[in-house]
Amino acid sequence: ALKPDGVFMSNGPADPSGLQRIEVRGEIWAFEVAADDASRTRGLGGRESLPPGQGMLFVFPELGVRRFWMYDCLMPIDLVFLDDLGTITAVHEMPFEPPRAEGETENEYAARLPRYSSRFPVRFALEFPAGTIDRLGLEPNTRIELDAGRLKSLAR
């Protein structure tokens, strides 16, 4: 539930499936956790859809300005960056980008993909199905309550 100070509450640790459950604007979301280099690099790449109410939570071992892209992503994605306290620093609606074309080199493909910046140092990022940012009214300076200490301990 949204507290009067604009904080969104989390309902705690991961469930038995390994998904992290977080309440955002009164909705319980189940996030797959990407907490190491391999899972953060892969992200949602290669997937064509997300189950309803699910997304991906990226956890980084240190604060830093982050840039995401739609490398090998087969669906549009909404992206929310969060600082150490769970405060949103930036939101982005990332449209589907055409896949690497026949004859297009890896470097050409990578160079044409837009980058989406956190603008400020962040520890976390949330990816949602397209349309979630608008539907839930997510915007910078809003806080999402996370068990930040536990999540930070997962980062590799």
C-alpha atoms as a PDB file:
ATOM      1  CA  ALA A   1       0.000   0.000   0.000  1.00  0.00           C
ATOM      2  CA  LEU A   2       1.130   3.550  -0.616  1.00  0.00           C
ATOM      3  CA  LYS A   3       2.105   5.200   2.646  1.00  0.00           C
ATOM      4  CA  PRO A   4       1.337   8.927   3.089  1.00  0.00           C
ATOM      5  CA  ASP A   5       4.994   9.793   2.442  1.00  0.00           C
ATOM      6  CA  GLY A   6       4.895   8.188  -1.022  1.00  0.00           C
ATOM      7  CA  VAL A   7       6.660   4.953  -0.020  1.00  0.00           C
ATOM      8  CA  PHE A   8       5.565   1.676  -1.621  1.00  0.00           C
ATOM      9  CA  MET A   9       5.743  -1.326   0.687  1.00  0.00           C
ATOM     10  CA  SER A  10       7.436  -4.673  -0.022  1.00  0.00           C
ATOM     11  CA  ASN A  11       6.003  -7.840   1.443  1.00  0.00           C
ATOM     12  CA  GLY A  12       9.365  -9.381   2.177  1.00  0.00           C
ATOM     13  CA  PRO A  13      11.687 -12.131   1.060  1.00  0.00           C
ATOM     14  CA  ALA A  14      11.602 -14.291  -2.015  1.00  0.00           C
ATOM     15  CA  ASP A  15       8.923 -16.947  -2.244  1.00  0.00           C
ATOM     16  CA  PRO A  16       9.767 -20.666  -2.680  1.00  0.00           C
ATOM     17  CA  SER A  17      10.016 -20.222  -6.481  1.00  0.00           C
ATOM     18  CA  GLY A  18      12.924 -17.838  -5.935  1.00  0.00           C
ATOM     19  CA  LEU A  19      10.958 -14.821  -7.136  1.00  0.00           C
ATOM     20  CA  GLN A  20      11.174 -11.631  -5.079  1.00  0.00           C
ATOM     21  CA  ARG A  21       7.690 -10.350  -4.264  1.00  0.00           C
ATOM     22  CA  ILE A  22       7.345  -6.576  -4.079  1.00  0.00           C
ATOM     23  CA  GLU A  23       4.204  -4.487  -3.721  1.00  0.00           C
ATOM     24  CA  VAL A  24       4.066  -1.598  -6.172  1.00  0.00           C
ATOM     25  CA  ARG A  25       1.026   0.700  -6.075  1.00  0.00           C
ATOM     26  CA  GLY A  26      -1.101  -1.911  -4.357  1.00  0.00           C
ATOM     27  CA  GLU A  27      -0.150  -4.715  -6.751  1.00  0.00           C
ATOM     28  CA  ILE A  28       2.063  -7.648  -5.742  1.00  0.00           C
ATOM     29  CA  TRP A  29       4.720  -8.255  -8.384  1.00  0.00           C
ATOM     30  CA  ALA A  30       6.965 -11.327  -8.642  1.00  0.00           C
ATOM     31  CA  PHE A  31      10.452 -10.413  -9.854  1.00  0.00           C
ATOM     32  CA  GLU A  32      13.083 -12.786 -11.161  1.00  0.00           C
ATOM     33  CA  VAL A  33      16.351 -11.655  -9.552  1.00  0.00           C
ATOM     34  CA  ALA A  34      19.404 -10.912 -11.733  1.00  0.00           C
ATOM     35  CA  ALA A  35      22.218 -10.501  -9.210  1.00  0.00           C
ATOM     36  CA  ASP A  36      25.346 -11.689 -11.035  1.00  0.00           C
ATOM     37  CA  ASP A  37      27.103 -10.605 -14.224  1.00  0.00           C
ATOM     38  CA  ALA A  38      25.684 -13.414 -16.362  1.00  0.00           C
ATOM     39  CA  SER A  39      22.038 -12.905 -15.338  1.00  0.00           C
ATOM     40  CA  ARG A  40      22.301  -9.105 -15.498  1.00  0.00           C
ATOM     41  CA  THR A  41      23.833  -9.295 -18.988  1.00  0.00           C
ATOM     42  CA  ARG A  42      21.175 -11.742 -20.223  1.00  0.00           C
ATOM     43  CA  GLY A  43      18.293  -9.859 -18.584  1.00  0.00           C
ATOM     44  CA  LEU A  44      15.081 -10.496 -20.481  1.00  0.00           C
ATOM     45  CA  GLY A  45      16.938 -11.059 -23.758  1.00  0.00           C
ATOM     46  CA  GLY A  46      15.487 -13.779 -25.950  1.00  0.00           C
ATOM     47  CA  ARG A  47      12.072 -13.726 -24.278  1.00  0.00           C
ATOM     48  CA  GLU A  48       8.915 -12.889 -26.186  1.00  0.00           C
ATOM     49  CA  SER A  49       6.673 -12.202 -23.188  1.00  0.00           C
ATOM     50  CA  LEU A  50       6.402 -11.997 -19.411  1.00  0.00           C
ATOM     51  CA  PRO A  51       3.745 -13.775 -17.359  1.00  0.00           C
ATOM     52  CA  PRO A  52       1.167 -11.370 -15.873  1.00  0.00           C
ATOM     53  CA  GLY A  53       2.432  -9.709 -12.700  1.00  0.00           C
ATOM     54  CA  GLN A  54       6.055 -10.688 -13.291  1.00  0.00           C
ATOM     55  CA  GLY A  55       9.207  -8.768 -14.099  1.00  0.00           C
ATOM     56  CA  MET A  56      12.944  -8.723 -13.460  1.00  0.00           C
ATOM     57  CA  LEU A  57      14.838  -7.157 -10.554  1.00  0.00           C
ATOM     58  CA  PHE A  58      18.478  -6.271 -11.243  1.00  0.00           C
ATOM     59  CA  VAL A  59      20.764  -6.003  -8.201  1.00  0.00           C
ATOM     60  CA  PHE A  60      24.236  -4.474  -8.566  1.00  0.00           C
ATOM     61  CA  PRO A  61      27.095  -4.953  -6.079  1.00  0.00           C
ATOM     62  CA  GLU A  62      27.820  -1.207  -5.949  1.00  0.00           C
ATOM     63  CA  LEU A  63      26.147   2.099  -6.726  1.00  0.00           C
ATOM     64  CA  GLY A  64      26.765   3.383 -10.231  1.00  0.00           C
ATOM     65  CA  VAL A  65      25.210   5.154 -13.182  1.00  0.00           C
ATOM     66  CA  ARG A  66      23.685   2.362 -15.303  1.00  0.00           C
ATOM     67  CA  ARG A  67      22.711   2.183 -18.949  1.00  0.00           C
ATOM     68  CA  PHE A  68      20.398  -0.509 -20.273  1.00  0.00           C
ATOM     69  CA  TRP A  69      19.648  -1.425 -23.871  1.00  0.00           C
ATOM     70  CA  MET A  70      17.303  -3.756 -25.722  1.00  0.00           C
ATOM     71  CA  TYR A  71      19.970  -6.215 -26.894  1.00  0.00           C
ATOM     72  CA  ASP A  72      18.251  -9.388 -28.140  1.00  0.00           C
ATOM     73  CA  CYS A  73      14.953  -8.307 -26.509  1.00  0.00           C
ATOM     74  CA  LEU A  74      11.893  -9.537 -28.368  1.00  0.00           C
ATOM     75  CA  MET A  75       9.261  -7.417 -26.575  1.00  0.00           C
ATOM     76  CA  PRO A  76       8.882  -3.835 -25.341  1.00  0.00           C
ATOM     77  CA  ILE A  77       9.841  -3.329 -21.689  1.00  0.00           C
ATOM     78  CA  ASP A  78       9.265  -0.631 -19.051  1.00  0.00           C
ATOM     79  CA  LEU A  79      12.368   0.131 -16.966  1.00  0.00           C
ATOM     80  CA  VAL A  80      12.590   1.777 -13.538  1.00  0.00           C
ATOM     81  CA  PHE A  81      15.963   2.572 -11.906  1.00  0.00           C
ATOM     82  CA  LEU A  82      16.198   2.706  -8.081  1.00  0.00           C
ATOM     83  CA  ASP A  83      18.910   4.102  -5.810  1.00  0.00           C
ATOM     84  CA  ASP A  84      20.175   2.470  -2.592  1.00  0.00           C
ATOM     85  CA  LEU A  85      16.998   3.494  -0.747  1.00  0.00           C
ATOM     86  CA  GLY A  86      14.562   2.338  -3.431  1.00  0.00           C
ATOM     87  CA  THR A  87      13.897   5.859  -4.747  1.00  0.00           C
ATOM     88  CA  ILE A  88      13.155   5.959  -8.474  1.00  0.00           C
ATOM     89  CA  THR A  89      15.819   7.968 -10.337  1.00  0.00           C
ATOM     90  CA  ALA A  90      14.564   7.423 -13.890  1.00  0.00           C
ATOM     91  CA  VAL A  91      11.818   5.627 -15.816  1.00  0.00           C
ATOM     92  CA  HIS A  92      11.992   4.535 -19.443  1.00  0.00           C
ATOM     93  CA  GLU A  93       9.557   2.958 -21.877  1.00  0.00           C
ATOM     94  CA  MET A  94      11.853   0.848 -24.052  1.00  0.00           C
ATOM     95  CA  PRO A  95      10.212  -0.076 -27.368  1.00  0.00           C
ATOM     96  CA  PHE A  96      10.924  -3.277 -29.249  1.00  0.00           C
ATOM     97  CA  GLU A  97      14.004  -2.907 -31.432  1.00  0.00           C
ATOM     98  CA  PRO A  98      14.300  -4.913 -34.650  1.00  0.00           C
ATOM     99  CA  PRO A  99      16.643  -7.865 -34.177  1.00  0.00           C
ATOM    100  CA  ARG A 100      20.060  -8.059 -35.761  1.00  0.00           C
ATOM    101  CA  ALA A 101      19.539  -8.095 -39.510  1.00  0.00           C
ATOM    102  CA  GLU A 102      21.104 -10.508 -41.940  1.00  0.00           C
ATOM    103  CA  GLY A 103      24.460  -9.042 -42.930  1.00  0.00           C
ATOM    104  CA  GLU A 104      24.513  -6.673 -39.929  1.00  0.00           C
ATOM    105  CA  THR A 105      27.644  -7.132 -37.836  1.00  0.00           C
ATOM    106  CA  GLU A 106      27.499  -7.546 -34.071  1.00  0.00           C
ATOM    107  CA  ASN A 107      29.101  -4.087 -33.692  1.00  0.00           C
ATOM    108  CA  GLU A 108      26.627  -2.461 -36.096  1.00  0.00           C
ATOM    109  CA  TYR A 109      23.710  -4.025 -34.241  1.00  0.00           C
ATOM    110  CA  ALA A 110      25.019  -2.929 -30.834  1.00  0.00           C
ATOM    111  CA  ALA A 111      25.777   0.592 -32.098  1.00  0.00           C
ATOM    112  CA  ARG A 112      22.222   1.200 -33.324  1.00  0.00           C
ATOM    113  CA  LEU A 113      20.523   0.274 -30.054  1.00  0.00           C
ATOM    114  CA  PRO A 114      19.483   3.231 -27.852  1.00  0.00           C
ATOM    115  CA  ARG A 115      20.861   3.354 -24.294  1.00  0.00           C
ATOM    116  CA  TYR A 116      18.579   4.154 -21.355  1.00  0.00           C
ATOM    117  CA  SER A 117      20.342   5.833 -18.413  1.00  0.00           C
ATOM    118  CA  SER A 118      19.666   5.825 -14.681  1.00  0.00           C
ATOM    119  CA  ARG A 119      20.887   9.457 -14.681  1.00  0.00           C
ATOM    120  CA  PHE A 120      22.138   9.066 -11.087  1.00  0.00           C
ATOM    121  CA  PRO A 121      23.947   6.263  -9.228  1.00  0.00           C
ATOM    122  CA  VAL A 122      21.645   3.293  -8.638  1.00  0.00           C
ATOM    123  CA  ARG A 123      21.793  -0.140  -7.014  1.00  0.00           C
ATOM    124  CA  PHE A 124      18.600  -1.651  -8.478  1.00  0.00           C
ATOM    125  CA  ALA A 125      16.512  -1.719 -11.640  1.00  0.00           C
ATOM    126  CA  LEU A 126      13.044  -3.161 -12.233  1.00  0.00           C
ATOM    127  CA  GLU A 127      11.789  -4.299 -15.631  1.00  0.00           C
ATOM    128  CA  PHE A 128       8.053  -4.590 -16.187  1.00  0.00           C
ATOM    129  CA  PRO A 129       5.825  -5.446 -19.138  1.00  0.00           C
ATOM    130  CA  ALA A 130       5.265  -2.457 -21.440  1.00  0.00           C
ATOM    131  CA  GLY A 131       2.583  -0.039 -20.219  1.00  0.00           C
ATOM    132  CA  THR A 132       3.217  -0.600 -16.505  1.00  0.00           C
ATOM    133  CA  ILE A 133       4.898   2.781 -15.861  1.00  0.00           C
ATOM    134  CA  ASP A 134       1.878   4.692 -17.163  1.00  0.00           C
ATOM    135  CA  ARG A 135      -0.697   2.354 -15.636  1.00  0.00           C
ATOM    136  CA  LEU A 136       0.854   2.551 -12.159  1.00  0.00           C
ATOM    137  CA  GLY A 137       1.957   6.185 -12.406  1.00  0.00           C
ATOM    138  CA  LEU A 138       5.604   5.420 -11.617  1.00  0.00           C
ATOM    139  CA  GLU A 139       7.859   8.469 -11.736  1.00  0.00           C
ATOM    140  CA  PRO A 140      11.195   9.786 -10.437  1.00  0.00           C
ATOM    141  CA  ASN A 141      11.457  10.589  -6.712  1.00  0.00           C
ATOM    142  CA  THR A 142       8.866   7.967  -5.766  1.00  0.00           C
ATOM    143  CA  ARG A 143      10.128   5.292  -3.384  1.00  0.00           C
ATOM    144  CA  ILE A 144       9.544   1.550  -3.627  1.00  0.00           C
ATOM    145  CA  GLU A 145      10.153  -0.235  -0.330  1.00  0.00           C
ATOM    146  CA  LEU A 146      12.717  -2.998  -0.781  1.00  0.00           C
ATOM    147  CA  ASP A 147      14.604  -5.225   1.613  1.00  0.00           C
ATOM    148  CA  ALA A 148      17.713  -3.458   0.313  1.00  0.00           C
ATOM    149  CA  GLY A 149      20.132  -5.039   2.781  1.00  0.00           C
ATOM    150  CA  ARG A 150      19.102  -8.586   1.905  1.00  0.00           C
ATOM    151  CA  LEU A 151      19.011  -7.839  -1.825  1.00  0.00           C
ATOM    152  CA  LYS A 152      22.470  -6.218  -1.743  1.00  0.00           C
ATOM    153  CA  SER A 153      23.833  -9.391  -0.149  1.00  0.00           C
ATOM    154  CA  LEU A 154      22.744 -11.339  -3.259  1.00  0.00           C
ATOM    155  CA  ALA A 155      24.786  -9.190  -5.671  1.00  0.00           C
ATOM    156  CA  ARG A 156      27.897 -10.715  -7.191  1.00  0.00           C
END
